[in-house]
Amino acid sequence: MLSANGAAMADGYVIGIGAEGDSSDGRAISAFGDFGVGENTWFSLMANSARTEGFIRTNDTLYADAGIDHWFEPFGIRVGASYWGNPDILDSRDVRAAFYLRGEPGSISLDYENRKFEFDLQSDALRGRTAKFSADGWGVNARLALGERVSFLLAGMTYDYSRNLRVQPDIDALAFLSRSRLSMINSLIDDRLRIGLEFEFGLKTLDVAASRWQTAIDGGTVDSYSVGYLTPVSDRIDAEFRIAFDDSETFGNTTAFSIHLYYFGGS
């Protein structure tokens, strides 16, 4: 998510809502906020509810996240914790940290995430049993100014799982829940990479990006291409629109659309 009025963060807050849907019957709504609690410190909260219509049944997932960010000029630290999933199928409790450098040419961060999963086995023979596993993820996130109005974006993450999910009993049941980008199979990945360009036109921003991720369950890859447009709609409100096209090696093609509204408060 982007912000055309990002400078307001320094002495105020940003709150927002969002909605996303795709052509594979995935739907999600979200609410979020970033709050300045000091000259260089921000506290963030986010909640998301998603529903996917699967081949067998409907699946609901919840996501809740809290984090704090402090910039020491020019270095900074971000830490956070989150919950994701459906407690009747698969959920995780995650912690993350990032060390970043930010300056005039752009920014770069080294990211770490630890995820602890609980998977309730789905077959009748194994019903009532729970499998636990974890994953450690390392990645980078960078923004480099190519000029006054153009920036290059790069983000990547790779995960190391405590067990081989492709031989985990019953784990393939997740692949049949949905072909949506919001499905559980797309939240268990081996690695992901995203590159993009961002163009600024005053307070308006246009970005184009290409992404690829590989699922940890079946090794299938998804190529995604997206376009986002951010524009002010009033002195304190921005709107962001995004359309994405996903080409899945396993499930075929999906088109997704999202909209987010941001309100900037404070002085």
Protein backbone atom coordinates (compact mmCIF):
# COMPACT_ATOMS: atom_id res chain seq x y z
CA MET A 1 0.00 0.00 0.00
CA LEU A 2 1.19 3.46 -0.90
CA SER A 3 0.65 6.97 0.36
CA ALA A 4 0.65 10.16 -1.67
CA ASN A 5 0.57 12.20 1.52
CA GLY A 6 3.18 10.16 3.38
CA ALA A 7 4.70 13.23 5.04
CA ALA A 8 1.61 13.45 7.25
CA MET A 9 2.85 10.35 9.05
CA ALA A 10 5.59 12.29 10.82
CA ASP A 11 3.25 14.07 13.24
CA GLY A 12 -0.11 12.35 12.83
CA TYR A 13 -1.76 9.15 11.75
CA VAL A 14 -3.14 7.31 8.76
CA ILE A 15 -6.15 5.01 8.95
CA GLY A 16 -7.73 3.14 6.09
CA ILE A 17 -10.00 0.45 4.74
CA GLY A 18 -9.61 -1.84 1.77
CA ALA A 19 -11.45 -4.42 -0.31
CA GLU A 20 -10.15 -7.04 -2.75
CA GLY A 21 -11.79 -9.56 -5.04
CA ASP A 22 -10.73 -11.90 -7.82
CA SER A 23 -12.24 -13.93 -10.62
CA SER A 24 -11.81 -17.14 -8.61
CA ASP A 25 -14.41 -16.02 -6.03
CA GLY A 26 -11.91 -14.79 -3.47
CA ARG A 27 -12.98 -11.80 -1.36
CA ALA A 28 -11.23 -9.84 1.39
CA ILE A 29 -11.79 -6.72 3.46
CA SER A 30 -9.22 -4.97 5.63
CA ALA A 31 -8.76 -2.13 8.10
CA PHE A 32 -5.43 -0.63 9.11
CA GLY A 33 -3.73 2.28 10.77
CA ASP A 34 -0.30 3.85 11.26
CA PHE A 35 0.17 6.18 14.22
CA GLY A 36 3.07 8.53 14.94
CA VAL A 37 4.10 8.07 18.59
CA GLY A 38 7.25 10.17 18.42
CA GLU A 39 9.29 12.15 15.95
CA ASN A 40 10.69 9.01 14.30
CA THR A 41 8.50 6.23 15.73
CA TRP A 42 5.33 4.70 14.24
CA PHE A 43 2.95 2.06 15.56
CA SER A 44 0.85 0.05 13.11
CA LEU A 45 -2.23 -2.16 13.33
CA MET A 46 -3.98 -4.20 10.65
CA ALA A 47 -6.87 -6.68 10.44
CA ASN A 48 -8.05 -8.62 7.41
CA SER A 49 -10.87 -11.09 6.76
CA ALA A 50 -10.84 -13.22 3.60
CA ARG A 51 -13.24 -15.77 2.11
CA THR A 52 -12.55 -18.16 -0.75
CA GLU A 53 -15.04 -20.41 -2.51
CA GLY A 54 -13.26 -23.75 -2.85
CA PHE A 55 -13.87 -26.90 -4.84
CA ILE A 56 -15.11 -28.64 -1.69
CA ARG A 57 -16.17 -25.90 0.74
CA THR A 58 -15.96 -22.24 1.63
CA ASN A 59 -12.91 -21.23 3.64
CA ASP A 60 -12.59 -18.17 5.88
CA THR A 61 -9.26 -16.82 7.11
CA LEU A 62 -8.38 -14.02 9.51
CA TYR A 63 -5.25 -11.93 9.72
CA ALA A 64 -4.26 -9.59 12.57
CA ASP A 65 -0.98 -7.70 12.78
CA ALA A 66 0.75 -5.20 15.06
CA GLY A 67 4.17 -3.60 14.58
CA ILE A 68 6.44 -0.76 15.56
CA ASP A 69 9.02 1.13 13.49
CA HIS A 70 11.76 3.47 14.70
CA TRP A 71 14.14 5.42 12.45
CA PHE A 72 17.49 6.36 13.97
CA GLU A 73 18.55 8.41 10.90
CA PRO A 74 19.73 6.91 8.61
CA PHE A 75 19.19 3.40 10.05
CA GLY A 76 15.92 2.01 11.32
CA ILE A 77 14.34 -1.07 12.89
CA ARG A 78 10.89 -2.60 12.42
CA VAL A 79 9.46 -5.43 14.53
CA GLY A 80 6.02 -6.99 14.56
CA ALA A 81 3.82 -9.99 15.28
CA SER A 82 0.77 -11.41 13.55
CA TYR A 83 -1.81 -14.18 13.48
CA TRP A 84 -3.07 -15.72 10.24
CA GLY A 85 -5.35 -18.55 9.22
CA ASN A 86 -8.36 -20.65 10.09
CA PRO A 87 -8.04 -22.53 13.43
CA ASP A 88 -10.06 -25.46 12.03
CA ILE A 89 -7.63 -26.06 9.16
CA LEU A 90 -4.32 -24.18 9.23
CA ASP A 91 -3.10 -21.16 11.15
CA SER A 92 0.17 -19.53 12.11
CA ARG A 93 1.66 -17.19 14.67
CA ASP A 94 4.38 -15.07 13.15
CA VAL A 95 7.07 -12.67 14.30
CA ARG A 96 9.20 -10.49 12.05
CA ALA A 97 12.00 -7.97 12.16
CA ALA A 98 13.72 -5.71 9.65
CA PHE A 99 16.85 -3.58 9.70
CA TYR A 100 16.83 -0.83 7.11
CA LEU A 101 18.79 2.07 5.70
CA ARG A 102 16.92 5.10 4.34
CA GLY A 103 18.30 8.19 2.63
CA GLU A 104 17.99 10.49 -0.34
CA PRO A 105 18.69 7.83 -3.03
CA GLY A 106 16.08 5.45 -1.58
CA SER A 107 15.95 2.67 1.01
CA ILE A 108 16.95 -0.95 1.54
CA SER A 109 16.03 -3.40 4.28
CA LEU A 110 17.07 -6.86 5.42
CA ASP A 111 13.95 -8.75 6.53
CA TYR A 112 13.44 -11.79 8.76
CA GLU A 113 10.25 -13.69 9.57
CA ASN A 114 9.53 -16.74 11.71
CA ARG A 115 6.22 -18.57 11.22
CA LYS A 116 4.88 -21.31 13.50
CA PHE A 117 2.05 -23.34 11.93
CA GLU A 118 -0.58 -25.72 13.25
CA PHE A 119 -2.30 -27.90 10.65
CA ASP A 120 -5.39 -29.92 11.59
CA LEU A 121 -5.29 -33.08 9.50
CA GLN A 122 -8.34 -33.24 7.26
CA SER A 123 -8.91 -36.87 6.29
CA ASP A 124 -11.39 -39.01 8.26
CA ALA A 125 -8.64 -41.46 9.25
CA LEU A 126 -6.49 -38.73 10.78
CA ARG A 127 -9.21 -36.39 12.05
CA GLY A 128 -8.37 -34.87 15.45
CA ARG A 129 -4.60 -34.95 14.96
CA THR A 130 -2.49 -31.82 14.54
CA ALA A 131 0.80 -31.40 12.70
CA LYS A 132 3.11 -28.58 13.73
CA PHE A 133 5.88 -27.09 11.63
CA SER A 134 7.71 -23.79 11.28
CA ALA A 135 9.44 -21.66 8.66
CA ASP A 136 12.25 -19.09 8.73
CA GLY A 137 12.21 -16.47 6.02
CA TRP A 138 14.93 -14.06 4.89
CA GLY A 139 14.56 -11.33 2.34
CA VAL A 140 15.38 -7.86 1.05
CA ASN A 141 13.19 -4.90 0.17
CA ALA A 142 14.61 -1.97 -1.77
CA ARG A 143 13.57 1.27 -3.42
CA LEU A 144 16.02 3.20 -5.62
CA ALA A 145 15.33 6.61 -7.14
CA LEU A 146 16.11 6.61 -10.86
CA GLY A 147 15.23 10.27 -11.19
CA GLU A 148 13.05 12.90 -9.58
CA ARG A 149 9.85 11.08 -10.49
CA VAL A 150 10.81 7.44 -11.10
CA SER A 151 11.79 4.74 -8.59
CA PHE A 152 12.83 1.12 -9.00
CA LEU A 153 11.28 -1.38 -6.58
CA LEU A 154 12.63 -4.79 -5.59
CA ALA A 155 11.40 -7.22 -2.94
CA GLY A 156 12.27 -10.86 -2.36
CA MET A 157 11.82 -13.51 0.33
CA THR A 158 12.83 -17.16 0.69
CA TYR A 159 11.64 -19.60 3.36
CA ASP A 160 13.20 -22.67 4.96
CA TYR A 161 10.60 -25.07 6.41
CA SER A 162 11.21 -27.39 9.34
CA ARG A 163 9.75 -30.27 7.33
CA ASN A 164 9.10 -31.10 3.70
CA LEU A 165 5.49 -30.04 3.15
CA ARG A 166 5.20 -31.98 -0.09
CA VAL A 167 5.25 -35.26 1.85
CA GLN A 168 3.25 -34.01 4.85
CA PRO A 169 0.10 -36.18 5.20
CA ASP A 170 -3.12 -34.39 4.17
CA ILE A 171 -1.36 -31.12 3.27
CA ASP A 172 -2.47 -31.47 -0.35
CA ALA A 173 -6.04 -30.85 0.86
CA LEU A 174 -5.16 -27.16 0.92
CA ALA A 175 -4.68 -27.17 -2.84
CA PHE A 176 -8.36 -28.04 -3.28
CA LEU A 177 -9.73 -25.26 -1.09
CA SER A 178 -9.56 -22.61 -3.81
CA ARG A 179 -7.66 -21.38 -6.87
CA SER A 180 -7.90 -17.79 -5.56
CA ARG A 181 -4.76 -15.73 -4.82
CA LEU A 182 -6.24 -15.45 -1.30
CA SER A 183 -6.20 -19.22 -0.78
CA MET A 184 -4.11 -20.97 1.85
CA ILE A 185 -1.84 -22.58 -0.72
CA ASN A 186 -0.64 -19.10 -1.74
CA SER A 187 0.29 -18.33 1.87
CA LEU A 188 2.68 -21.29 2.08
CA ILE A 189 5.50 -20.34 -0.28
CA ASP A 190 9.08 -21.38 -0.83
CA ASP A 191 10.11 -18.03 -2.26
CA ARG A 192 8.77 -14.90 -3.92
CA LEU A 193 10.26 -12.08 -5.98
CA ARG A 194 8.75 -8.76 -7.04
CA ILE A 195 10.20 -6.03 -9.24
CA GLY A 196 8.53 -2.82 -10.33
CA LEU A 197 8.69 0.81 -11.38
CA GLU A 198 6.89 3.69 -9.70
CA PHE A 199 6.12 6.97 -11.45
CA GLU A 200 5.14 10.15 -9.59
CA PHE A 201 2.94 12.85 -11.11
CA GLY A 202 2.70 15.46 -8.37
CA LEU A 203 0.70 13.79 -5.59
CA LYS A 204 -0.43 11.00 -7.92
CA THR A 205 1.48 7.75 -8.34
CA LEU A 206 1.40 4.99 -10.93
CA ASP A 207 3.29 1.73 -10.47
CA VAL A 208 3.73 -1.40 -12.56
CA ALA A 209 5.11 -4.63 -11.12
CA ALA A 210 5.87 -8.24 -11.97
CA SER A 211 6.00 -10.96 -9.31
CA ARG A 212 6.69 -14.67 -9.10
CA TRP A 213 6.21 -17.01 -6.17
CA GLN A 214 6.52 -20.76 -5.71
CA THR A 215 4.18 -22.66 -3.43
CA ALA A 216 5.70 -24.94 -0.82
CA ILE A 217 2.97 -27.59 -1.11
CA ASP A 218 3.29 -28.64 -4.75
CA GLY A 219 6.17 -26.53 -6.07
CA GLY A 220 3.89 -24.77 -8.55
CA THR A 221 4.79 -21.24 -9.63
CA VAL A 222 2.55 -18.20 -10.02
CA ASP A 223 3.48 -15.26 -12.26
CA SER A 224 1.65 -12.04 -11.44
CA TYR A 225 1.50 -8.68 -13.21
CA SER A 226 -0.12 -5.65 -11.62
CA VAL A 227 -0.80 -1.96 -12.12
CA GLY A 228 -1.59 0.39 -9.24
CA TYR A 229 -2.79 4.00 -9.23
CA LEU A 230 -2.82 6.27 -6.18
CA THR A 231 -4.50 9.65 -6.15
CA PRO A 232 -5.75 12.21 -3.62
CA VAL A 233 -9.53 12.61 -3.49
CA SER A 234 -9.47 15.41 -0.90
CA ASP A 235 -7.00 17.24 1.33
CA ARG A 236 -6.91 14.31 3.76
CA ILE A 237 -8.08 11.28 1.77
CA ASP A 238 -6.22 9.21 -0.83
CA ALA A 239 -7.56 6.33 -2.94
CA GLU A 240 -5.50 3.49 -4.37
CA PHE A 241 -6.71 1.18 -7.13
CA ARG A 242 -4.91 -1.97 -8.27
CA ILE A 243 -5.56 -4.62 -10.89
CA ALA A 244 -3.51 -7.81 -11.13
CA PHE A 245 -3.35 -10.78 -13.49
CA ASP A 246 -2.09 -14.09 -12.06
CA ASP A 247 -0.92 -16.99 -14.20
CA SER A 248 -0.70 -20.12 -12.02
CA GLU A 249 1.14 -23.20 -13.21
CA THR A 250 -1.37 -25.31 -11.27
CA PHE A 251 -4.69 -23.45 -11.50
CA GLY A 252 -4.55 -21.30 -14.62
CA ASN A 253 -5.41 -17.59 -14.81
CA THR A 254 -7.02 -15.26 -12.27
CA THR A 255 -7.71 -11.52 -12.36
CA ALA A 256 -7.85 -9.52 -9.12
CA PHE A 257 -8.92 -5.98 -8.27
CA SER A 258 -8.49 -4.00 -5.05
CA ILE A 259 -9.28 -0.55 -3.70
CA HIS A 260 -7.92 1.13 -0.56
CA LEU A 261 -8.89 4.43 1.04
CA TYR A 262 -6.53 6.34 3.35
CA TYR A 263 -7.42 9.12 5.79
CA PHE A 264 -4.61 11.36 7.06
CA GLY A 265 -5.11 12.91 10.50
CA GLY A 266 -3.08 15.13 12.75
CA SER A 267 -1.55 18.54 12.19
